[in-house]
Amino acid sequence: MLNATAGFIASGKPVLLLEHDLRPITVEIGQNVSQMIINAGNRLNCPIAALFGDAQPYQGTNLTWPIVVDGKYNDSSNPIKGTIGY
């Protein structure tokens, strides 16, 4: 997965990568992939719901999540970071 991600980043082409973090090893790989994307500097790393503009992707909650606006994603108001009350 890490080599494939490096190849996608190097290609310069638009790519949508989906992560499925179900086990400790996939969480670790997901963290490494996210850091690779952030370090690339020319890629957007965000949840799929944010990309599609869905600020409330989870049923049964009124938490509002950040979305992509003008090609940028700012997760400073991410509710799981404790910046917004429940």
PDB file of N, CA and C in Angstrom:
ATOM      1  N   MET A   1       0.810  -1.194   0.000  1.00  0.00           N
ATOM      2  CA  MET A   1       0.000   0.000   0.000  1.00  0.00           C
ATOM      3  C   MET A   1       0.856   1.262   0.000  1.00  0.00           C
ATOM      4  N   LEU A   2       1.922   1.253   0.792  1.00  0.00           N
ATOM      5  CA  LEU A   2       2.779   2.441   0.847  1.00  0.00           C
ATOM      6  C   LEU A   2       3.459   2.699  -0.488  1.00  0.00           C
ATOM      7  N   ASN A   3       3.936   1.653  -1.150  1.00  0.00           N
ATOM      8  CA  ASN A   3       4.564   1.828  -2.460  1.00  0.00           C
ATOM      9  C   ASN A   3       3.549   2.292  -3.499  1.00  0.00           C
ATOM     10  N   ALA A   4       2.341   1.736  -3.442  1.00  0.00           N
ATOM     11  CA  ALA A   4       1.296   2.160  -4.381  1.00  0.00           C
ATOM     12  C   ALA A   4       0.960   3.634  -4.166  1.00  0.00           C
ATOM     13  N   THR A   5       0.873   4.051  -2.916  1.00  0.00           N
ATOM     14  CA  THR A   5       0.578   5.454  -2.610  1.00  0.00           C
ATOM     15  C   THR A   5       1.685   6.360  -3.131  1.00  0.00           C
ATOM     16  N   ALA A   6       2.925   5.964  -2.914  1.00  0.00           N
ATOM     17  CA  ALA A   6       4.050   6.754  -3.424  1.00  0.00           C
ATOM     18  C   ALA A   6       3.961   6.890  -4.944  1.00  0.00           C
ATOM     19  N   GLY A   7       3.566   5.817  -5.626  1.00  0.00           N
ATOM     20  CA  GLY A   7       3.410   5.866  -7.083  1.00  0.00           C
ATOM     21  C   GLY A   7       2.296   6.804  -7.509  1.00  0.00           C
ATOM     22  N   PHE A   8       1.171   6.773  -6.797  1.00  0.00           N
ATOM     23  CA  PHE A   8       0.068   7.688  -7.111  1.00  0.00           C
ATOM     24  C   PHE A   8       0.491   9.138  -6.916  1.00  0.00           C
ATOM     25  N   ILE A   9       1.190   9.406  -5.834  1.00  0.00           N
ATOM     26  CA  ILE A   9       1.649  10.769  -5.557  1.00  0.00           C
ATOM     27  C   ILE A   9       2.606  11.234  -6.640  1.00  0.00           C
ATOM     28  N   ALA A  10       3.558  10.368  -7.009  1.00  0.00           N
ATOM     29  CA  ALA A  10       4.561  10.713  -8.022  1.00  0.00           C
ATOM     30  C   ALA A  10       3.954  10.923  -9.400  1.00  0.00           C
ATOM     31  N   SER A  11       2.836  10.269  -9.683  1.00  0.00           N
ATOM     32  CA  SER A  11       2.235  10.375 -11.016  1.00  0.00           C
ATOM     33  C   SER A  11       1.722  11.778 -11.311  1.00  0.00           C
ATOM     34  N   GLY A  12       1.339  12.510 -10.266  1.00  0.00           N
ATOM     35  CA  GLY A  12       0.802  13.851 -10.456  1.00  0.00           C
ATOM     36  C   GLY A  12      -0.639  13.871 -10.933  1.00  0.00           C
ATOM     37  N   LYS A  13      -1.218  12.695 -11.155  1.00  0.00           N
ATOM     38  CA  LYS A  13      -2.599  12.612 -11.630  1.00  0.00           C
ATOM     39  C   LYS A  13      -3.571  12.657 -10.461  1.00  0.00           C
ATOM     40  N   PRO A  14      -4.796  13.125 -10.698  1.00  0.00           N
ATOM     41  CA  PRO A  14      -5.805  13.092  -9.631  1.00  0.00           C
ATOM     42  C   PRO A  14      -6.126  11.656  -9.248  1.00  0.00           C
ATOM     43  N   VAL A  15      -6.177  11.388  -7.963  1.00  0.00           N
ATOM     44  CA  VAL A  15      -6.436  10.046  -7.455  1.00  0.00           C
ATOM     45  C   VAL A  15      -7.304  10.152  -6.214  1.00  0.00           C
ATOM     46  N   LEU A  16      -8.236   9.234  -6.080  1.00  0.00           N
ATOM     47  CA  LEU A  16      -9.054   9.138  -4.883  1.00  0.00           C
ATOM     48  C   LEU A  16      -8.687   7.840  -4.187  1.00  0.00           C
ATOM     49  N   LEU A  17      -8.112   7.948  -2.992  1.00  0.00           N
ATOM     50  CA  LEU A  17      -7.735   6.771  -2.215  1.00  0.00           C
ATOM     51  C   LEU A  17      -8.713   6.633  -1.058  1.00  0.00           C
ATOM     52  N   LEU A  18      -9.223   5.438  -0.857  1.00  0.00           N
ATOM     53  CA  LEU A  18     -10.118   5.173   0.265  1.00  0.00           C
ATOM     54  C   LEU A  18      -9.397   4.303   1.277  1.00  0.00           C
ATOM     55  N   GLU A  19      -9.462   4.696   2.544  1.00  0.00           N
ATOM     56  CA  GLU A  19      -8.838   3.924   3.609  1.00  0.00           C
ATOM     57  C   GLU A  19      -9.916   3.219   4.415  1.00  0.00           C
ATOM     58  N   HIS A  20      -9.629   1.998   4.815  1.00  0.00           N
ATOM     59  CA  HIS A  20     -10.542   1.223   5.656  1.00  0.00           C
ATOM     60  C   HIS A  20      -9.759   0.765   6.876  1.00  0.00           C
ATOM     61  N   ASP A  21      -9.940   1.458   7.973  1.00  0.00           N
ATOM     62  CA  ASP A  21      -9.149   1.212   9.174  1.00  0.00           C
ATOM     63  C   ASP A  21      -9.920   0.347  10.155  1.00  0.00           C
ATOM     64  N   LEU A  22      -9.798  -0.965  10.001  1.00  0.00           N
ATOM     65  CA  LEU A  22     -10.536  -1.900  10.839  1.00  0.00           C
ATOM     66  C   LEU A  22      -9.665  -2.600  11.873  1.00  0.00           C
ATOM     67  N   ARG A  23      -8.393  -2.715  11.593  1.00  0.00           N
ATOM     68  CA  ARG A  23      -7.477  -3.437  12.480  1.00  0.00           C
ATOM     69  C   ARG A  23      -6.293  -2.536  12.797  1.00  0.00           C
ATOM     70  N   PRO A  24      -5.576  -2.822  13.881  1.00  0.00           N
ATOM     71  CA  PRO A  24      -4.429  -1.977  14.239  1.00  0.00           C
ATOM     72  C   PRO A  24      -3.439  -1.780  13.090  1.00  0.00           C
ATOM     73  N   ILE A  25      -3.161  -2.819  12.312  1.00  0.00           N
ATOM     74  CA  ILE A  25      -2.197  -2.686  11.217  1.00  0.00           C
ATOM     75  C   ILE A  25      -2.721  -1.758  10.124  1.00  0.00           C
ATOM     76  N   THR A  26      -4.027  -1.819   9.830  1.00  0.00           N
ATOM     77  CA  THR A  26      -4.559  -0.926   8.792  1.00  0.00           C
ATOM     78  C   THR A  26      -4.645   0.508   9.300  1.00  0.00           C
ATOM     79  N   VAL A  27      -4.853   0.681  10.601  1.00  0.00           N
ATOM     80  CA  VAL A  27      -4.819   2.036  11.171  1.00  0.00           C
ATOM     81  C   VAL A  27      -3.414   2.613  11.013  1.00  0.00           C
ATOM     82  N   GLU A  28      -2.413   1.812  11.329  1.00  0.00           N
ATOM     83  CA  GLU A  28      -1.026   2.272  11.205  1.00  0.00           C
ATOM     84  C   GLU A  28      -0.686   2.617   9.755  1.00  0.00           C
ATOM     85  N   ILE A  29      -1.077   1.759   8.836  1.00  0.00           N
ATOM     86  CA  ILE A  29      -0.825   2.029   7.415  1.00  0.00           C
ATOM     87  C   ILE A  29      -1.566   3.292   6.982  1.00  0.00           C
ATOM     88  N   GLY A  30      -2.819   3.442   7.424  1.00  0.00           N
ATOM     89  CA  GLY A  30      -3.586   4.639   7.099  1.00  0.00           C
ATOM     90  C   GLY A  30      -2.918   5.907   7.598  1.00  0.00           C
ATOM     91  N   GLN A  31      -2.342   5.850   8.785  1.00  0.00           N
ATOM     92  CA  GLN A  31      -1.627   7.011   9.323  1.00  0.00           C
ATOM     93  C   GLN A  31      -0.403   7.330   8.471  1.00  0.00           C
ATOM     94  N   ASN A  32       0.314   6.297   8.062  1.00  0.00           N
ATOM     95  CA  ASN A  32       1.488   6.506   7.203  1.00  0.00           C
ATOM     96  C   ASN A  32       1.100   7.069   5.841  1.00  0.00           C
ATOM     97  N   VAL A  33       0.025   6.535   5.267  1.00  0.00           N
ATOM     98  CA  VAL A  33      -0.458   7.028   3.975  1.00  0.00           C
ATOM     99  C   VAL A  33      -0.883   8.495   4.102  1.00  0.00           C
ATOM    100  N   SER A  34      -1.614   8.817   5.154  1.00  0.00           N
ATOM    101  CA  SER A  34      -2.045  10.205   5.360  1.00  0.00           C
ATOM    102  C   SER A  34      -0.846  11.142   5.459  1.00  0.00           C
ATOM    103  N   GLN A  35       0.173  10.719   6.187  1.00  0.00           N
ATOM    104  CA  GLN A  35       1.369  11.563   6.318  1.00  0.00           C
ATOM    105  C   GLN A  35       2.077  11.725   4.980  1.00  0.00           C
ATOM    106  N   MET A  36       2.127  10.670   4.175  1.00  0.00           N
ATOM    107  CA  MET A  36       2.736  10.772   2.845  1.00  0.00           C
ATOM    108  C   MET A  36       1.991  11.795   1.991  1.00  0.00           C
ATOM    109  N   ILE A  37       0.665  11.767   2.061  1.00  0.00           N
ATOM    110  CA  ILE A  37      -0.148  12.697   1.275  1.00  0.00           C
ATOM    111  C   ILE A  37       0.085  14.125   1.751  1.00  0.00           C
ATOM    112  N   ILE A  38       0.101  14.320   3.061  1.00  0.00           N
ATOM    113  CA  ILE A  38       0.348  15.657   3.626  1.00  0.00           C
ATOM    114  C   ILE A  38       1.732  16.151   3.208  1.00  0.00           C
ATOM    115  N   ASN A  39       2.736  15.286   3.298  1.00  0.00           N
ATOM    116  CA  ASN A  39       4.108  15.673   2.954  1.00  0.00           C
ATOM    117  C   ASN A  39       4.273  16.005   1.477  1.00  0.00           C
ATOM    118  N   ALA A  40       3.426  15.447   0.614  1.00  0.00           N
ATOM    119  CA  ALA A  40       3.522  15.720  -0.820  1.00  0.00           C
ATOM    120  C   ALA A  40       3.255  17.191  -1.110  1.00  0.00           C
ATOM    121  N   GLY A  41       2.406  17.819  -0.288  1.00  0.00           N
ATOM    122  CA  GLY A  41       2.155  19.248  -0.430  1.00  0.00           C
ATOM    123  C   GLY A  41       1.212  19.643  -1.550  1.00  0.00           C
ATOM    124  N   ASN A  42       1.015  18.797  -2.530  1.00  0.00           N
ATOM    125  CA  ASN A  42       0.152  19.143  -3.659  1.00  0.00           C
ATOM    126  C   ASN A  42      -1.077  18.251  -3.730  1.00  0.00           C
ATOM    127  N   ARG A  43      -1.395  17.625  -2.600  1.00  0.00           N
ATOM    128  CA  ARG A  43      -2.543  16.718  -2.533  1.00  0.00           C
ATOM    129  C   ARG A  43      -3.468  17.136  -1.401  1.00  0.00           C
ATOM    130  N   LEU A  44      -4.717  16.774  -1.515  1.00  0.00           N
ATOM    131  CA  LEU A  44      -5.716  17.061  -0.496  1.00  0.00           C
ATOM    132  C   LEU A  44      -6.007  15.786   0.278  1.00  0.00           C
ATOM    133  N   ASN A  45      -5.883  15.836   1.584  1.00  0.00           N
ATOM    134  CA  ASN A  45      -6.120  14.681   2.443  1.00  0.00           C
ATOM    135  C   ASN A  45      -7.332  14.990   3.313  1.00  0.00           C
ATOM    136  N   CYS A  46      -8.456  14.330   3.006  1.00  0.00           N
ATOM    137  CA  CYS A  46      -9.687  14.625   3.735  1.00  0.00           C
ATOM    138  C   CYS A  46     -10.639  13.437   3.664  1.00  0.00           C
ATOM    139  N   PRO A  47     -11.631  13.401   4.539  1.00  0.00           N
ATOM    140  CA  PRO A  47     -12.648  12.346   4.456  1.00  0.00           C
ATOM    141  C   PRO A  47     -13.479  12.480   3.175  1.00  0.00           C
ATOM    142  N   ILE A  48     -13.984  11.370   2.676  1.00  0.00           N
ATOM    143  CA  ILE A  48     -14.786  11.391   1.452  1.00  0.00           C
ATOM    144  C   ILE A  48     -16.029  12.263   1.594  1.00  0.00           C
ATOM    145  N   ALA A  49     -16.654  12.259   2.763  1.00  0.00           N
ATOM    146  CA  ALA A  49     -17.837  13.100   2.979  1.00  0.00           C
ATOM    147  C   ALA A  49     -17.480  14.568   2.812  1.00  0.00           C
ATOM    148  N   ALA A  50     -16.297  14.966   3.274  1.00  0.00           N
ATOM    149  CA  ALA A  50     -15.860  16.358   3.140  1.00  0.00           C
ATOM    150  C   ALA A  50     -15.686  16.724   1.676  1.00  0.00           C
ATOM    151  N   LEU A  51     -15.170  15.792   0.899  1.00  0.00           N
ATOM    152  CA  LEU A  51     -14.968  16.023  -0.526  1.00  0.00           C
ATOM    153  C   LEU A  51     -16.296  16.261  -1.245  1.00  0.00           C
ATOM    154  N   PHE A  52     -17.331  15.507  -0.819  1.00  0.00           N
ATOM    155  CA  PHE A  52     -18.644  15.644  -1.436  1.00  0.00           C
ATOM    156  C   PHE A  52     -19.513  16.716  -0.774  1.00  0.00           C
ATOM    157  N   GLY A  53     -18.961  17.442   0.208  1.00  0.00           N
ATOM    158  CA  GLY A  53     -19.682  18.542   0.832  1.00  0.00           C
ATOM    159  C   GLY A  53     -20.712  18.126   1.867  1.00  0.00           C
ATOM    160  N   ASP A  54     -20.593  16.917   2.410  1.00  0.00           N
ATOM    161  CA  ASP A  54     -21.546  16.430   3.399  1.00  0.00           C
ATOM    162  C   ASP A  54     -21.020  16.743   4.804  1.00  0.00           C
ATOM    163  N   ALA A  55     -21.542  17.793   5.425  1.00  0.00           N
ATOM    164  CA  ALA A  55     -21.077  18.228   6.745  1.00  0.00           C
ATOM    165  C   ALA A  55     -21.651  17.395   7.878  1.00  0.00           C
ATOM    166  N   GLN A  56     -22.666  16.594   7.606  1.00  0.00           N
ATOM    167  CA  GLN A  56     -23.259  15.740   8.640  1.00  0.00           C
ATOM    168  C   GLN A  56     -23.408  14.311   8.102  1.00  0.00           C
ATOM    169  N   PRO A  57     -22.285  13.596   7.944  1.00  0.00           N
ATOM    170  CA  PRO A  57     -22.326  12.270   7.326  1.00  0.00           C
ATOM    171  C   PRO A  57     -22.806  11.142   8.236  1.00  0.00           C
ATOM    172  N   TYR A  58     -22.893  11.391   9.526  1.00  0.00           N
ATOM    173  CA  TYR A  58     -23.249  10.322  10.458  1.00  0.00           C
ATOM    174  C   TYR A  58     -24.678  10.481  10.951  1.00  0.00           C
ATOM    175  N   GLN A  59     -25.481   9.454  10.759  1.00  0.00           N
ATOM    176  CA  GLN A  59     -26.863   9.472  11.233  1.00  0.00           C
ATOM    177  C   GLN A  59     -26.876   9.423  12.753  1.00  0.00           C
ATOM    178  N   GLY A  60     -27.875  10.057  13.331  1.00  0.00           N
ATOM    179  CA  GLY A  60     -28.041  10.002  14.772  1.00  0.00           C
ATOM    180  C   GLY A  60     -27.167  10.971  15.537  1.00  0.00           C
ATOM    181  N   THR A  61     -26.539  11.904  14.867  1.00  0.00           N
ATOM    182  CA  THR A  61     -25.735  12.922  15.543  1.00  0.00           C
ATOM    183  C   THR A  61     -25.973  14.265  14.879  1.00  0.00           C
ATOM    184  N   ASN A  62     -25.785  15.315  15.635  1.00  0.00           N
ATOM    185  CA  ASN A  62     -25.904  16.648  15.050  1.00  0.00           C
ATOM    186  C   ASN A  62     -24.539  17.317  14.930  1.00  0.00           C
ATOM    187  N   LEU A  63     -23.466  16.519  15.051  1.00  0.00           N
ATOM    188  CA  LEU A  63     -22.126  17.066  14.889  1.00  0.00           C
ATOM    189  C   LEU A  63     -21.931  17.541  13.455  1.00  0.00           C
ATOM    190  N   THR A  64     -21.285  18.670  13.308  1.00  0.00           N
ATOM    191  CA  THR A  64     -20.991  19.214  11.983  1.00  0.00           C
ATOM    192  C   THR A  64     -19.496  19.079  11.722  1.00  0.00           C
ATOM    193  N   TRP A  65     -19.171  18.469  10.602  1.00  0.00           N
ATOM    194  CA  TRP A  65     -17.783  18.209  10.227  1.00  0.00           C
ATOM    195  C   TRP A  65     -17.347  19.187   9.143  1.00  0.00           C
ATOM    196  N   PRO A  66     -16.056  19.487   9.067  1.00  0.00           N
ATOM    197  CA  PRO A  66     -15.572  20.379   8.015  1.00  0.00           C
ATOM    198  C   PRO A  66     -15.709  19.738   6.634  1.00  0.00           C
ATOM    199  N   ILE A  67     -15.863  20.568   5.624  1.00  0.00           N
ATOM    200  CA  ILE A  67     -15.966  20.089   4.246  1.00  0.00           C
ATOM    201  C   ILE A  67     -14.927  20.805   3.380  1.00  0.00           C
ATOM    202  N   VAL A  68     -14.747  20.313   2.182  1.00  0.00           N
ATOM    203  CA  VAL A  68     -13.837  20.946   1.230  1.00  0.00           C
ATOM    204  C   VAL A  68     -14.525  22.167   0.630  1.00  0.00           C
ATOM    205  N   VAL A  69     -13.849  23.301   0.706  1.00  0.00           N
ATOM    206  CA  VAL A  69     -14.365  24.550   0.143  1.00  0.00           C
ATOM    207  C   VAL A  69     -13.257  25.161  -0.713  1.00  0.00           C
ATOM    208  N   ASP A  70     -13.577  25.464  -1.960  1.00  0.00           N
ATOM    209  CA  ASP A  70     -12.612  26.055  -2.894  1.00  0.00           C
ATOM    210  C   ASP A  70     -11.321  25.244  -2.985  1.00  0.00           C
ATOM    211  N   GLY A  71     -11.467  23.913  -2.974  1.00  0.00           N
ATOM    212  CA  GLY A  71     -10.306  23.047  -3.119  1.00  0.00           C
ATOM    213  C   GLY A  71      -9.434  22.944  -1.888  1.00  0.00           C
ATOM    214  N   LYS A  72      -9.923  23.441  -0.753  1.00  0.00           N
ATOM    215  CA  LYS A  72      -9.142  23.398   0.478  1.00  0.00           C
ATOM    216  C   LYS A  72      -9.941  22.725   1.577  1.00  0.00           C
ATOM    217  N   TYR A  73      -9.228  22.054   2.479  1.00  0.00           N
ATOM    218  CA  TYR A  73      -9.853  21.364   3.595  1.00  0.00           C
ATOM    219  C   TYR A  73      -9.190  21.823   4.880  1.00  0.00           C
ATOM    220  N   ASN A  74      -9.974  22.387   5.783  1.00  0.00           N
ATOM    221  CA  ASN A  74      -9.465  22.859   7.067  1.00  0.00           C
ATOM    222  C   ASN A  74     -10.175  22.081   8.165  1.00  0.00           C
ATOM    223  N   ASP A  75      -9.455  21.165   8.803  1.00  0.00           N
ATOM    224  CA  ASP A  75     -10.101  20.336   9.822  1.00  0.00           C
ATOM    225  C   ASP A  75      -9.958  20.913  11.237  1.00  0.00           C
ATOM    226  N   SER A  76      -9.710  22.203  11.354  1.00  0.00           N
ATOM    227  CA  SER A  76      -9.553  22.797  12.684  1.00  0.00           C
ATOM    228  C   SER A  76     -10.845  22.733  13.491  1.00  0.00           C
ATOM    229  N   SER A  77     -11.991  22.600  12.822  1.00  0.00           N
ATOM    230  CA  SER A  77     -13.262  22.495  13.543  1.00  0.00           C
ATOM    231  C   SER A  77     -13.756  21.054  13.623  1.00  0.00           C
ATOM    232  N   ASN A  78     -12.871  20.103  13.441  1.00  0.00           N
ATOM    233  CA  ASN A  78     -13.221  18.679  13.504  1.00  0.00           C
ATOM    234  C   ASN A  78     -13.706  18.324  14.909  1.00  0.00           C
ATOM    235  N   PRO A  79     -14.935  17.843  15.060  1.00  0.00           N
ATOM    236  CA  PRO A  79     -15.480  17.586  16.399  1.00  0.00           C
ATOM    237  C   PRO A  79     -14.740  16.511  17.192  1.00  0.00           C
ATOM    238  N   ILE A  80     -14.052  15.605  16.539  1.00  0.00           N
ATOM    239  CA  ILE A  80     -13.331  14.585  17.316  1.00  0.00           C
ATOM    240  C   ILE A  80     -12.029  15.121  17.896  1.00  0.00           C
ATOM    241  N   LYS A  81     -11.665  16.342  17.527  1.00  0.00           N
ATOM    242  CA  LYS A  81     -10.474  16.965  18.104  1.00  0.00           C
ATOM    243  C   LYS A  81     -10.831  17.759  19.370  1.00  0.00           C
ATOM    244  N   GLY A  82     -12.103  17.729  19.749  1.00  0.00           N
ATOM    245  CA  GLY A  82     -12.506  18.412  20.965  1.00  0.00           C
ATOM    246  C   GLY A  82     -12.708  19.903  20.823  1.00  0.00           C
ATOM    247  N   THR A  83     -12.771  20.400  19.579  1.00  0.00           N
ATOM    248  CA  THR A  83     -12.945  21.832  19.380  1.00  0.00           C
ATOM    249  C   THR A  83     -14.401  22.255  19.368  1.00  0.00           C
ATOM    250  N   ILE A  84     -15.299  21.293  19.317  1.00  0.00           N
ATOM    251  CA  ILE A  84     -16.731  21.579  19.280  1.00  0.00           C
ATOM    252  C   ILE A  84     -17.402  20.721  20.330  1.00  0.00           C
ATOM    253  N   GLY A  85     -18.313  21.290  21.093  1.00  0.00           N
ATOM    254  CA  GLY A  85     -18.996  20.521  22.131  1.00  0.00           C
ATOM    255  C   GLY A  85     -19.972  19.514  21.542  1.00  0.00           C
ATOM    256  N   TYR A  86     -20.256  18.492  22.314  1.00  0.00           N
ATOM    257  CA  TYR A  86     -21.172  17.451  21.866  1.00  0.00           C
ATOM    258  C   TYR A  86     -22.559  17.809  22.289  1.00  0.00           C
TER     259      TYR A  86
END
